[in-house]
Amino acid sequence: MKTRKITLLLVGFVAGILAMIGGNKVMDYTSSDKYCLSCHIHPHADQTWKLSSHYNNPSGMQVHCVDCHLPPESSPFKRTGIKIKTGLHDLWAFHTKDSASFDWERKKRLDYAPKIVFNESCEYCHSNIFTKGLSSEGAVAHLYYDENKKKLDLQCINCHLDAGHYNPNYKHERNISLGSTSDDKAKQIFDSTTKIEQFANFVEQVPGTSISFNMIAIPRGNFSMGSPESEPYRNIDEGPIRKVTVNQFFMAETEVTWEEYLAFYSETKSEGRIDPRIVMERNSLAVDGISGPTPPYGQPDQGWGYGDRPAVTMSYYAAETYCKWLSSKTGKKYRLPTEAEWEYAARAGSQTPYFFDGNPKKFTADRWWNRTFGLDTAIIASHVIYAENSGHRTETAKKVAPNRFGLKNMSGNVMEYCSDFYAADAYSQTPVEVVDPKGPSEGSEHVVRGGSYSSDAKDVRSAARDYTHTDEWLKTDPQSPKSIWWLSDCTRVGFRVVCQAEF
């Protein structure tokens, strides 16, 4: 009996040893780059990995798939759990889905990457982030990360998105060549602005540039601002409906395009770092003292293209400065719209959730029923660039139909700055039957309206509102102090201009 027990213990011990060896073999085999690539059929994953700094670097050290996409070896239980969970998910996707249907471009973007990369793995390998040879700008950025990573949920990949897979459209460095490839020489350069002799649509011409754009005459009118209690997905800060009168004004047919914004940037840009206080003081003086943006970090168009796509990633201050520049060039009074003007123009005479027919309950992806049995997108997709039809990027204005005023992309594509400061209770403080109501006279954030290419259908309703999130939108800006011109962490905001009707 005793011999039998000893035999069973030895057999169990040997079996355990063999199981451990076999388990380690399985773990090693399923952790190899070759195994990962056999299941993860990315069009260029292997090539971009070999072009990245994690493969092609002076030290000759190679970082492998599991080094980034699993927790570090110092957390074996978490690492094994995530590996099993991820493995089962990937096997299911490999055998049940078509890889050609995946949005690979979306998976390269910063809003997706942190979901599949573990920051503790970055810190496990890079235990010293103040290395020899680190530039002064890098030291400032790393110090900011070290002091704020928990408070602001900062991750290494926020600034080093192309460390594991090379992306030519992503460079975390000053883009000094932005705006230097203009082909204005091949276009007509305007020597005068458009004269307004009556309240009607006109085409603005910006003297000294090849820029022209359509301005739509928005007539004086009354409307009910806000949304009724019964409107689906109404937000609490949309406030009660108020009767509002808006005076006539002109509004740009589309958001300010990259072509338009880069004309301003090329003429006014500041090559070096300028003290924000000096910039603000200069811009408050004569028009010939306008100081424009410093070069951004990386590609502000995100690789989507410039031209007639809406300009994005500029700050509220930059949008205001653009309006001052445009006013100085044309002799007219250009500015950002008030929130009341924006909603009045977006509604274009409608009092329904959208300026076109449709119910948010049928359009939204937030309902289980819609996700299971399919969204009704036929109507909304022809009027709005939003999460379901954008491909997670901006689009040109020709992709959608205009509203009844003739304005395009008032809903979706990019959020648009309004001149009002934001306050959640601002609407309830607005008197009934008021002409051109304005929000609070001071504050720390400004109103943005219209939703964006990443918004759900419920968030592109005419009454839906949001505000700037300055700290969040600038949390990975490597400069100190933070840029007053460019946003490092928001690609969803732009603006359109209005012109006062002096009649």
Protein backbone atom coordinates (compact mmCIF):
# COMPACT_ATOMS: atom_id res chain seq x y z
CA MET A 1 0.00 0.00 0.00
CA LYS A 2 2.82 2.34 0.93
CA THR A 3 4.69 1.46 -2.26
CA ARG A 4 1.55 2.16 -4.28
CA LYS A 5 1.20 5.63 -2.73
CA ILE A 6 4.83 6.43 -3.41
CA THR A 7 4.38 5.25 -6.99
CA LEU A 8 1.27 7.43 -7.43
CA LEU A 9 3.11 10.43 -5.98
CA LEU A 10 6.03 9.90 -8.34
CA VAL A 11 3.69 9.47 -11.30
CA GLY A 12 1.79 12.61 -10.27
CA PHE A 13 5.03 14.51 -9.81
CA VAL A 14 6.36 13.44 -13.21
CA ALA A 15 2.99 14.22 -14.81
CA GLY A 16 3.05 17.65 -13.19
CA ILE A 17 6.56 18.29 -14.45
CA LEU A 18 5.58 17.15 -17.95
CA ALA A 19 2.44 19.31 -17.81
CA MET A 20 4.52 22.33 -16.79
CA ILE A 21 7.01 21.66 -19.58
CA GLY A 22 4.19 21.12 -22.06
CA GLY A 23 2.37 24.22 -20.82
CA ASN A 24 5.52 26.29 -21.18
CA LYS A 25 6.04 24.90 -24.67
CA VAL A 26 2.46 25.82 -25.59
CA MET A 27 2.87 29.29 -24.07
CA ASP A 28 6.15 29.83 -25.91
CA TYR A 29 4.74 28.57 -29.21
CA THR A 30 1.54 30.63 -29.00
CA SER A 31 3.56 33.69 -27.99
CA SER A 32 5.79 33.70 -31.07
CA ASP A 33 5.45 36.39 -33.71
CA LYS A 34 4.86 33.72 -36.35
CA TYR A 35 1.92 32.28 -34.43
CA CYS A 36 0.41 35.74 -33.83
CA LEU A 37 0.64 36.63 -37.51
CA SER A 38 -0.94 33.33 -38.53
CA CYS A 39 -4.15 34.39 -36.80
CA HIS A 40 -3.97 38.19 -36.97
CA ILE A 41 -4.19 38.75 -40.69
CA HIS A 42 -3.33 42.44 -40.83
CA PRO A 43 -2.55 43.76 -44.31
CA HIS A 44 0.75 45.34 -43.32
CA ALA A 45 1.33 44.35 -39.69
CA ASP A 46 4.57 42.46 -40.29
CA GLN A 47 6.03 45.08 -42.64
CA THR A 48 5.17 48.05 -40.43
CA TRP A 49 6.54 46.24 -37.36
CA LYS A 50 9.89 45.71 -39.12
CA LEU A 51 10.00 49.42 -40.03
CA SER A 52 9.24 50.57 -36.50
CA SER A 53 11.66 51.64 -33.77
CA HIS A 54 10.79 48.48 -31.85
CA TYR A 55 12.43 46.40 -34.59
CA ASN A 56 14.73 48.66 -36.55
CA ASN A 57 16.83 50.48 -33.96
CA PRO A 58 20.56 51.07 -33.16
CA SER A 59 20.58 48.61 -30.26
CA GLY A 60 19.46 45.64 -32.36
CA MET A 61 16.86 44.69 -29.74
CA GLN A 62 13.53 43.45 -31.08
CA VAL A 63 10.22 43.85 -29.32
CA HIS A 64 7.69 41.13 -30.10
CA CYS A 65 3.89 41.07 -30.37
CA VAL A 66 3.26 39.77 -26.86
CA ASP A 67 5.62 42.32 -25.33
CA CYS A 68 3.13 45.07 -26.12
CA HIS A 69 -0.20 43.29 -26.49
CA LEU A 70 -0.06 41.32 -23.23
CA PRO A 71 0.66 42.43 -19.65
CA PRO A 72 4.34 42.06 -18.65
CA GLU A 73 5.89 38.84 -17.37
CA SER A 74 6.00 40.35 -13.90
CA SER A 75 2.21 39.78 -13.77
CA PRO A 76 2.01 36.07 -14.75
CA PHE A 77 -1.59 35.44 -13.67
CA LYS A 78 -2.94 38.54 -15.38
CA ARG A 79 -0.81 37.79 -18.43
CA THR A 80 -2.15 34.23 -18.69
CA GLY A 81 -5.75 35.34 -18.17
CA ILE A 82 -5.56 38.04 -20.83
CA LYS A 83 -3.79 35.62 -23.17
CA ILE A 84 -6.56 33.03 -22.87
CA LYS A 85 -9.31 35.64 -23.24
CA THR A 86 -7.63 37.29 -26.23
CA GLY A 87 -6.81 33.94 -27.82
CA LEU A 88 -10.40 32.72 -27.67
CA HIS A 89 -11.65 36.04 -29.06
CA ASP A 90 -9.13 35.94 -31.90
CA LEU A 91 -9.89 32.33 -32.80
CA TRP A 92 -13.59 33.11 -32.95
CA ALA A 93 -12.97 36.15 -35.15
CA PHE A 94 -10.56 34.21 -37.38
CA HIS A 95 -13.08 31.47 -38.13
CA THR A 96 -16.31 33.50 -38.22
CA LYS A 97 -15.40 36.91 -39.68
CA ASP A 98 -13.91 38.23 -42.89
CA SER A 99 -10.73 40.20 -42.18
CA ALA A 100 -11.36 42.28 -45.30
CA SER A 101 -14.39 43.79 -43.56
CA PHE A 102 -12.37 45.15 -40.65
CA ASP A 103 -11.63 48.86 -40.46
CA TRP A 104 -7.85 48.53 -40.22
CA GLU A 105 -7.31 52.28 -40.42
CA ARG A 106 -9.48 52.76 -37.34
CA LYS A 107 -7.41 50.22 -35.43
CA LYS A 108 -4.29 52.31 -36.06
CA ARG A 109 -5.77 55.37 -34.41
CA LEU A 110 -5.17 56.65 -30.91
CA ASP A 111 -8.79 56.21 -29.84
CA TYR A 112 -8.46 52.45 -30.42
CA ALA A 113 -4.80 51.59 -29.76
CA PRO A 114 -4.88 51.88 -25.92
CA LYS A 115 -7.46 49.08 -25.86
CA ILE A 116 -4.94 46.58 -27.21
CA VAL A 117 -1.65 47.83 -25.73
CA PHE A 118 -0.76 47.57 -22.04
CA ASN A 119 0.94 50.59 -20.56
CA GLU A 120 2.48 48.53 -17.76
CA SER A 121 4.30 46.57 -20.47
CA CYS A 122 5.80 49.80 -21.80
CA GLU A 123 6.98 50.74 -18.31
CA TYR A 124 8.29 47.21 -17.67
CA CYS A 125 10.78 47.58 -20.52
CA HIS A 126 11.32 51.33 -20.25
CA SER A 127 11.86 51.61 -16.52
CA ASN A 128 14.01 54.72 -16.98
CA ILE A 129 12.19 57.37 -19.01
CA PHE A 130 14.87 60.04 -18.48
CA THR A 131 17.53 58.39 -20.57
CA LYS A 132 20.90 59.71 -21.66
CA GLY A 133 20.56 61.80 -24.81
CA LEU A 134 16.89 62.67 -24.20
CA SER A 135 16.10 66.08 -25.71
CA SER A 136 14.93 68.95 -23.54
CA GLU A 137 11.47 68.75 -25.15
CA GLY A 138 11.39 65.02 -24.45
CA ALA A 139 12.40 65.59 -20.82
CA VAL A 140 9.57 68.12 -20.36
CA ALA A 141 7.07 65.70 -21.91
CA HIS A 142 8.28 62.76 -19.79
CA LEU A 143 8.20 64.86 -16.63
CA TYR A 144 4.61 65.85 -17.41
CA TYR A 145 3.75 62.18 -17.97
CA ASP A 146 5.39 61.12 -14.72
CA GLU A 147 3.50 63.73 -12.70
CA ASN A 148 0.09 63.36 -14.35
CA LYS A 149 -0.25 59.79 -15.63
CA LYS A 150 -2.66 58.68 -12.91
CA LYS A 151 -4.69 61.88 -12.73
CA LEU A 152 -5.16 62.19 -16.51
CA ASP A 153 -4.89 58.49 -17.39
CA LEU A 154 -1.87 59.13 -19.61
CA GLN A 155 -0.34 56.27 -21.55
CA CYS A 156 2.96 55.96 -23.38
CA ILE A 157 1.17 55.21 -26.63
CA ASN A 158 -0.49 58.64 -26.52
CA CYS A 159 2.80 60.10 -27.74
CA HIS A 160 4.48 57.00 -29.22
CA LEU A 161 1.69 55.63 -31.39
CA ASP A 162 4.08 54.46 -34.11
CA ALA A 163 6.63 52.78 -31.81
CA GLY A 164 5.38 49.27 -32.56
CA HIS A 165 4.05 49.73 -36.10
CA TYR A 166 5.48 52.45 -38.31
CA ASN A 167 2.90 54.93 -39.56
CA PRO A 168 4.13 57.57 -42.04
CA ASN A 169 1.13 59.76 -41.20
CA TYR A 170 2.06 59.93 -37.52
CA LYS A 171 5.06 61.97 -36.42
CA HIS A 172 5.27 63.35 -32.92
CA GLU A 173 7.47 66.24 -33.92
CA ARG A 174 7.06 69.84 -35.08
CA ASN A 175 5.62 69.92 -38.59
CA ILE A 176 7.56 72.87 -39.99
CA SER A 177 6.58 72.03 -43.59
CA LEU A 178 2.83 72.44 -43.06
CA GLY A 179 1.34 74.83 -45.60
CA SER A 180 4.53 75.06 -47.67
CA THR A 181 3.17 73.14 -50.68
CA SER A 182 0.46 75.57 -51.72
CA ASP A 183 -0.31 75.68 -55.43
CA ASP A 184 -1.67 79.24 -55.34
CA LYS A 185 0.59 80.18 -58.25
CA ALA A 186 -1.58 78.04 -60.52
CA LYS A 187 -4.78 79.69 -59.28
CA GLN A 188 -6.32 83.11 -59.52
CA ILE A 189 -5.15 85.44 -56.74
CA PHE A 190 -7.91 87.83 -55.72
CA ASP A 191 -7.01 91.50 -55.42
CA SER A 192 -10.30 92.63 -53.89
CA THR A 193 -13.02 91.34 -51.62
CA THR A 194 -16.68 90.84 -52.52
CA LYS A 195 -18.90 93.86 -51.99
CA ILE A 196 -22.23 93.18 -50.29
CA GLU A 197 -24.97 95.40 -51.66
CA GLN A 198 -28.01 93.40 -50.61
CA PHE A 199 -28.98 90.69 -48.16
CA ALA A 200 -28.42 87.65 -50.38
CA ASN A 201 -26.05 84.74 -50.74
CA PHE A 202 -22.60 85.73 -51.97
CA VAL A 203 -19.20 84.25 -52.72
CA GLU A 204 -16.50 85.72 -50.51
CA GLN A 205 -13.07 86.40 -51.99
CA VAL A 206 -10.05 86.80 -49.73
CA PRO A 207 -7.63 89.38 -51.19
CA GLY A 208 -4.05 88.24 -51.64
CA THR A 209 -5.09 84.57 -51.75
CA SER A 210 -6.87 82.17 -54.08
CA ILE A 211 -9.48 81.47 -51.40
CA SER A 212 -13.20 81.90 -52.04
CA PHE A 213 -16.18 80.33 -50.28
CA ASN A 214 -19.97 80.52 -50.23
CA MET A 215 -21.79 82.60 -47.63
CA ILE A 216 -25.50 81.92 -47.06
CA ALA A 217 -27.94 84.69 -46.08
CA ILE A 218 -29.82 83.52 -42.98
CA PRO A 219 -32.98 85.65 -42.52
CA ARG A 220 -34.24 87.05 -39.23
CA GLY A 221 -36.67 84.68 -37.60
CA ASN A 222 -38.21 83.08 -34.52
CA PHE A 223 -37.69 79.53 -33.32
CA SER A 224 -37.99 77.38 -30.23
CA MET A 225 -34.48 76.79 -28.89
CA GLY A 226 -33.80 73.56 -27.05
CA SER A 227 -35.73 70.30 -27.08
CA PRO A 228 -39.09 69.24 -25.64
CA GLU A 229 -39.25 66.94 -22.64
CA SER A 230 -40.64 64.23 -24.91
CA GLU A 231 -37.76 64.29 -27.39
CA PRO A 232 -35.85 60.97 -27.34
CA TYR A 233 -32.37 61.17 -25.79
CA ARG A 234 -32.80 64.77 -24.71
CA ASN A 235 -29.91 65.83 -22.44
CA ILE A 236 -30.61 67.59 -19.17
CA ASP A 237 -28.50 70.62 -20.16
CA GLU A 238 -30.55 71.21 -23.31
CA GLY A 239 -32.96 73.07 -21.07
CA PRO A 240 -36.63 73.90 -21.56
CA ILE A 241 -37.82 75.21 -24.91
CA ARG A 242 -37.55 78.98 -25.21
CA LYS A 243 -38.94 81.28 -27.86
CA VAL A 244 -35.98 83.05 -29.42
CA THR A 245 -35.64 85.70 -32.13
CA VAL A 246 -32.45 85.76 -34.19
CA ASN A 247 -31.44 88.73 -36.33
CA GLN A 248 -30.31 88.17 -39.92
CA PHE A 249 -26.70 87.18 -40.58
CA PHE A 250 -24.54 85.39 -43.12
CA MET A 251 -23.13 81.93 -42.41
CA ALA A 252 -20.55 79.90 -44.33
CA GLU A 253 -22.06 77.07 -46.35
CA THR A 254 -19.51 74.63 -44.93
CA GLU A 255 -17.02 74.36 -42.12
CA VAL A 256 -13.72 76.17 -42.69
CA THR A 257 -11.67 73.90 -44.93
CA TRP A 258 -7.98 73.10 -44.73
CA GLU A 259 -7.40 75.11 -47.91
CA GLU A 260 -8.94 78.17 -46.25
CA TYR A 261 -7.24 77.67 -42.89
CA LEU A 262 -3.79 77.05 -44.39
CA ALA A 263 -4.01 80.36 -46.28
CA PHE A 264 -4.32 82.02 -42.87
CA TYR A 265 -1.62 79.80 -41.37
CA SER A 266 0.88 80.43 -44.17
CA GLU A 267 0.45 84.21 -43.93
CA THR A 268 0.55 84.56 -40.15
CA LYS A 269 2.43 81.54 -38.75
CA SER A 270 5.07 81.94 -36.07
CA GLU A 271 8.05 79.64 -36.59
CA GLY A 272 9.25 79.66 -33.01
CA ARG A 273 7.68 79.19 -29.62
CA ILE A 274 6.00 82.45 -28.57
CA ASP A 275 4.89 83.40 -25.10
CA PRO A 276 1.05 83.13 -25.16
CA ARG A 277 0.76 86.45 -23.30
CA ILE A 278 2.64 88.25 -26.09
CA VAL A 279 0.47 86.62 -28.77
CA MET A 280 -2.75 87.62 -27.03
CA GLU A 281 -1.50 91.19 -26.54
CA ARG A 282 -0.51 91.50 -30.20
CA ASN A 283 -3.81 90.12 -31.43
CA SER A 284 -5.69 92.70 -29.40
CA LEU A 285 -3.90 95.51 -31.28
CA ALA A 286 -4.06 96.55 -34.92
CA VAL A 287 -4.90 93.95 -37.54
CA ASP A 288 -1.38 93.98 -38.97
CA GLY A 289 -0.15 92.69 -35.62
CA ILE A 290 -2.05 89.38 -35.85
CA SER A 291 0.18 86.49 -34.85
CA GLY A 292 -0.77 83.12 -36.23
CA PRO A 293 -0.18 79.55 -35.09
CA THR A 294 3.15 77.93 -34.41
CA PRO A 295 3.80 74.66 -36.29
CA PRO A 296 1.76 71.74 -34.96
CA TYR A 297 3.16 68.44 -33.80
CA GLY A 298 2.62 65.72 -36.40
CA GLN A 299 0.05 65.76 -39.18
CA PRO A 300 -3.03 67.75 -38.10
CA ASP A 301 -5.08 66.25 -40.95
CA GLN A 302 -4.42 62.76 -39.45
CA GLY A 303 -3.46 61.53 -42.92
CA TRP A 304 -7.03 62.00 -44.20
CA GLY A 305 -6.05 64.77 -46.58
CA TYR A 306 -6.21 68.56 -46.64
CA GLY A 307 -7.91 70.49 -49.45
CA ASP A 308 -11.67 70.81 -48.96
CA ARG A 309 -11.91 68.60 -45.89
CA PRO A 310 -12.79 70.54 -42.73
CA ALA A 311 -9.81 71.88 -40.79
CA VAL A 312 -9.50 70.15 -37.41
CA THR A 313 -7.38 70.10 -34.24
CA MET A 314 -7.12 73.89 -33.92
CA SER A 315 -8.02 75.48 -30.60
CA TYR A 316 -10.89 77.84 -29.90
CA TYR A 317 -8.35 80.67 -29.68
CA ALA A 318 -6.97 79.75 -33.12
CA ALA A 319 -10.50 79.79 -34.59
CA GLU A 320 -11.12 83.24 -33.12
CA THR A 321 -7.81 84.50 -34.49
CA TYR A 322 -8.73 83.15 -37.93
CA CYS A 323 -11.92 85.22 -37.79
CA LYS A 324 -9.88 88.33 -36.92
CA TRP A 325 -7.55 87.66 -39.85
CA LEU A 326 -10.48 87.11 -42.21
CA SER A 327 -12.09 90.35 -41.02
CA SER A 328 -8.85 92.25 -41.59
CA LYS A 329 -8.48 90.83 -45.11
CA THR A 330 -12.05 91.49 -46.24
CA GLY A 331 -13.08 94.55 -44.24
CA LYS A 332 -16.16 92.71 -43.01
CA LYS A 333 -17.03 91.55 -39.49
CA TYR A 334 -16.41 87.81 -39.35
CA ARG A 335 -16.76 85.89 -36.09
CA LEU A 336 -17.89 82.59 -34.61
CA PRO A 337 -21.66 82.06 -34.32
CA THR A 338 -23.54 82.42 -31.07
CA GLU A 339 -25.16 79.23 -29.85
CA ALA A 340 -28.61 80.60 -30.71
CA GLU A 341 -27.49 81.49 -34.25
CA TRP A 342 -25.99 78.05 -34.70
CA GLU A 343 -29.12 76.17 -33.63
CA TYR A 344 -31.41 78.45 -35.64
CA ALA A 345 -29.29 77.89 -38.76
CA ALA A 346 -29.07 74.13 -38.13
CA ARG A 347 -32.81 73.75 -37.72
CA ALA A 348 -33.55 75.76 -40.87
CA GLY A 349 -37.19 76.14 -39.92
CA SER A 350 -37.64 72.69 -38.39
CA GLN A 351 -38.66 71.91 -34.80
CA THR A 352 -38.07 68.17 -35.00
CA PRO A 353 -35.02 66.34 -33.58
CA TYR A 354 -33.24 66.73 -36.94
CA PHE A 355 -33.67 69.18 -39.81
CA PHE A 356 -34.85 66.17 -41.83
CA ASP A 357 -37.48 63.55 -41.01
CA GLY A 358 -36.48 60.83 -38.58
CA ASN A 359 -36.60 59.51 -35.05
CA PRO A 360 -33.42 59.12 -32.95
CA LYS A 361 -34.80 55.86 -31.57
CA LYS A 362 -34.56 54.33 -35.04
CA PHE A 363 -31.15 55.81 -35.83
CA THR A 364 -29.18 55.30 -32.61
CA ALA A 365 -26.74 52.43 -32.10
CA ASP A 366 -27.24 52.62 -28.35
CA ARG A 367 -30.40 50.50 -28.45
CA TRP A 368 -30.02 46.73 -28.22
CA TRP A 369 -32.85 46.25 -30.69
CA ASN A 370 -31.13 48.35 -33.35
CA ARG A 371 -27.76 46.70 -32.84
CA THR A 372 -29.32 43.26 -33.12
CA PHE A 373 -31.70 43.78 -36.03
CA GLY A 374 -29.93 46.58 -37.87
CA LEU A 375 -29.96 50.35 -37.89
CA ASP A 376 -32.21 52.48 -40.05
CA THR A 377 -29.57 54.62 -41.78
CA ALA A 378 -31.08 55.35 -45.19
CA ILE A 379 -32.31 58.85 -44.33
CA ILE A 380 -29.75 60.09 -41.81
CA ALA A 381 -26.74 58.90 -43.82
CA SER A 382 -27.67 61.18 -46.72
CA HIS A 383 -27.64 64.25 -44.46
CA VAL A 384 -25.06 63.55 -41.73
CA ILE A 385 -21.48 62.27 -41.51
CA TYR A 386 -21.54 60.34 -38.22
CA ALA A 387 -20.25 57.13 -36.63
CA GLU A 388 -22.14 54.76 -38.90
CA ASN A 389 -21.03 56.13 -42.27
CA SER A 390 -17.86 58.16 -41.68
CA GLY A 391 -15.21 55.47 -41.62
CA HIS A 392 -14.05 57.29 -38.46
CA ARG A 393 -12.73 60.31 -40.31
CA THR A 394 -13.91 63.63 -41.67
CA GLU A 395 -15.51 63.97 -45.09
CA THR A 396 -15.96 66.72 -47.65
CA ALA A 397 -19.21 68.69 -47.81
CA LYS A 398 -20.24 67.11 -51.11
CA LYS A 399 -20.98 63.84 -49.30
CA VAL A 400 -24.21 65.14 -47.74
CA ALA A 401 -27.32 67.07 -48.73
CA PRO A 402 -27.79 70.63 -47.42
CA ASN A 403 -30.54 71.75 -45.06
CA ARG A 404 -33.34 74.09 -46.15
CA PHE A 405 -31.12 77.15 -45.73
CA GLY A 406 -28.47 75.58 -47.98
CA LEU A 407 -25.98 74.82 -45.18
CA LYS A 408 -24.01 71.56 -45.26
CA ASN A 409 -22.70 69.43 -42.40
CA MET A 410 -24.38 71.42 -39.66
CA SER A 411 -24.86 68.03 -38.02
CA GLY A 412 -21.95 65.61 -37.80
CA ASN A 413 -18.56 65.64 -39.55
CA VAL A 414 -16.91 67.95 -36.98
CA MET A 415 -18.17 69.67 -33.85
CA GLU A 416 -18.26 73.44 -34.32
CA TYR A 417 -17.14 76.15 -31.91
CA CYS A 418 -19.69 78.72 -30.76
CA SER A 419 -18.75 82.05 -29.22
CA ASP A 420 -20.67 81.37 -25.99
CA PHE A 421 -19.01 80.21 -22.80
CA TYR A 422 -20.51 76.94 -21.59
CA ALA A 423 -22.67 76.49 -18.51
CA ALA A 424 -24.98 73.55 -17.96
CA ASP A 425 -27.76 75.79 -16.66
CA ALA A 426 -27.25 78.64 -19.15
CA TYR A 427 -30.46 77.87 -21.02
CA SER A 428 -32.64 78.03 -17.95
CA GLN A 429 -31.24 81.51 -17.28
CA THR A 430 -32.16 82.72 -20.76
CA PRO A 431 -35.35 84.83 -20.77
CA VAL A 432 -38.25 83.82 -23.00
CA GLU A 433 -38.78 85.90 -26.17
CA VAL A 434 -35.23 87.24 -26.32
CA VAL A 435 -33.34 88.51 -29.37
CA ASP A 436 -30.01 86.77 -30.05
CA PRO A 437 -29.50 85.35 -26.53
CA LYS A 438 -25.96 84.97 -25.38
CA GLY A 439 -24.54 82.54 -22.86
CA PRO A 440 -22.52 83.40 -19.74
CA SER A 441 -20.12 86.33 -20.08
CA GLU A 442 -17.23 84.33 -18.66
CA GLY A 443 -16.15 80.76 -18.06
CA SER A 444 -13.40 78.24 -18.72
CA GLU A 445 -14.94 76.28 -21.60
CA HIS A 446 -16.89 77.16 -24.75
CA VAL A 447 -19.92 75.56 -26.35
CA VAL A 448 -19.49 73.19 -29.30
CA ARG A 449 -22.45 72.05 -31.37
CA GLY A 450 -23.35 69.60 -34.09
CA GLY A 451 -21.63 66.36 -33.15
CA SER A 452 -18.87 64.77 -35.26
CA TYR A 453 -17.84 61.87 -37.45
CA SER A 454 -17.55 59.72 -34.30
CA SER A 455 -20.94 60.67 -32.81
CA ASP A 456 -23.94 58.42 -32.42
CA ALA A 457 -27.17 59.50 -34.12
CA LYS A 458 -28.66 60.77 -30.86
CA ASP A 459 -25.77 63.24 -30.49
CA VAL A 460 -26.26 64.95 -33.85
CA ARG A 461 -29.77 66.19 -33.08
CA SER A 462 -30.29 69.92 -33.63
CA ALA A 463 -30.59 70.60 -29.88
CA ALA A 464 -27.71 68.37 -28.73
CA ARG A 465 -24.86 70.33 -27.18
CA ASP A 466 -21.40 69.78 -25.76
CA TYR A 467 -18.43 71.89 -24.72
CA THR A 468 -14.67 72.06 -25.05
CA HIS A 469 -12.71 69.75 -22.75
CA THR A 470 -9.43 71.66 -22.75
CA ASP A 471 -7.44 69.54 -20.28
CA GLU A 472 -8.49 66.31 -21.95
CA TRP A 473 -7.93 67.64 -25.46
CA LEU A 474 -4.40 68.79 -24.58
CA LYS A 475 -3.22 66.12 -22.18
CA THR A 476 -0.46 64.77 -24.44
CA ASP A 477 0.76 68.10 -25.80
CA PRO A 478 4.54 67.86 -25.18
CA GLN A 479 4.97 71.62 -24.73
CA SER A 480 5.08 73.58 -21.50
CA PRO A 481 3.02 75.70 -21.30
CA LYS A 482 0.44 73.94 -23.47
CA SER A 483 -0.16 75.17 -27.01
CA ILE A 484 -2.77 77.89 -27.46
CA TRP A 485 -3.10 76.98 -31.15
CA TRP A 486 -3.36 73.22 -31.61
CA LEU A 487 -5.12 70.34 -29.87
CA SER A 488 -3.04 67.22 -29.35
CA ASP A 489 -5.94 64.94 -28.41
CA CYS A 490 -9.05 66.00 -30.33
CA THR A 491 -9.58 65.45 -34.04
CA ARG A 492 -13.34 65.98 -33.91
CA VAL A 493 -13.65 69.76 -33.67
CA GLY A 494 -13.58 72.51 -36.30
CA PHE A 495 -15.59 75.65 -36.95
CA ARG A 496 -17.54 77.72 -39.45
CA VAL A 497 -17.73 81.48 -39.66
CA VAL A 498 -20.58 83.96 -39.70
CA CYS A 499 -20.53 87.50 -41.05
CA GLN A 500 -22.59 90.27 -39.58
CA ALA A 501 -25.19 91.73 -41.90
CA GLU A 502 -24.68 95.48 -41.80
CA PHE A 503 -28.09 96.49 -43.16
